Amino acid sequence: MRESAPRGQRLWLTSGLQIPLGISQSNEGNLLVSETGTSTPNTGRISIVGLNGTRRTLLDGLPSGLNDVNEPSGPAGLLMRGRTLYVAVGIGDSFLPGTVVPNPNPSSPLFSTVLAVHFSAQIEKTTEGFTLSRIDQQALARGQKLTLSTNGRDHVTVELVVDFPNLIPDPTFPSGFRGSNPFDLVAVGDRLYVTDGGQNLIWRADIPTGAFSTLAAFPPVPNPLPFGPPVLDAVPTGITYSNGQLLVTLFRGFPFPPGASIVKQVDPLTGGQAEFITGLSSAIDVLSLKRKRETDHLVLGFSSDFLAGQPGLLLSFDTPGVARDVIASCLITPTAMTLDEKTSTLYVTELATGRVVAIPIL
């Protein structure tokens, strides 16, 4: 970052990203950002963003397609672990765009999956990008591990870790199907825990085998507003692991009432649930900070009032039920965050602006 600023001040780092949804930091210090893409199918991308604001492509041609509300859906949550980047891929056009009618010919066989991208520190420093072709996507869907090369020497490997069902029968839906929409993920040992905003649950997946099951499902709650449906879907989004428990943000569905969003605590072994932080608005990500003997929690809100178009918030909690303060209140549709512990700087992706912004938090 080229400039310093007071705690909580939002600084522009880079722009021009194509609907950024996920962010993680590598052990080289760079930021890895997932980009959902454009209205053109299979334009999802992973970018490497330096702390000086430079952007390079790591991997292009990732699965994407227009979803049931005619918005691009593709690469979402990211998790960098060692030299492996895990990528959650959303529902894409598993429904015909703008409908809830199952699509007989989706743009990619890799929607509702988790992919693993393995690359060296040298590749991270020098690459100008690799691209997945449609044939590559089909090979990955068959379980083939791919090696992509640009010059016969530099290469990355890509593999399919887990393949969730795109659509699951649900008689309560007009078409008879509810879509799966993986959004974010965290690893604990050899397991991945993946939030699914379409199915309103957390998947538990075994990394070596790809086997998966439901860890926890989140029921709807009554809608407190005088308009909209009678109940609100949970819509789990961000997830982190803290003090032996999973923390999950429940964004809540339309009409997105202020104060209805929460953070749930979920036992990764049993799936047992408890409310952890309540009274939030459109909570989309959560992060824990270890401070000596205490743990603070940061919660990112997509908007303080979604329907009114109010800006997003970054809140700090020193105990689960009490907000210590508002760190930032001028975020524009923030989607994910990652902390650079060396500089105590939080990096946040903004969907509408296509930016990554830097926020000092100490």
Foldseek 3Di string as FASTA:
>chain_A
DPDDDDFLDKFFQEFDAAQWFEWDAAPVGWIWTWHLAAQDFQATFIWTAHSNRDIATAEGSFGWHADLCRGIFFWAYWDDDHQKIKTATFLHPCDPHNHNAGDPDGPAPQHRFIKIKGADPVCSVDPRYWYADRVNRVCQSVFDWDWTDDPVPHIMIMHTQAHDDQWDADCVDPNRTWGWTWHYWDDDPQWIWTQTQGQQFIKIAGRVPRDIDTLEHDDWAADPDPDDDRTKRQRWAAWDADPQWIWIKRQIDPPQDQFQIFIWTAHNVRRDIDTQETGHTRWHYKDWDDDPPFIKMWTKHQANRVVVQHHIWIWIGRGRYDTPDTRYRHHHRWNYWDADVVQQWIWIAHRPRRTIIIGRND
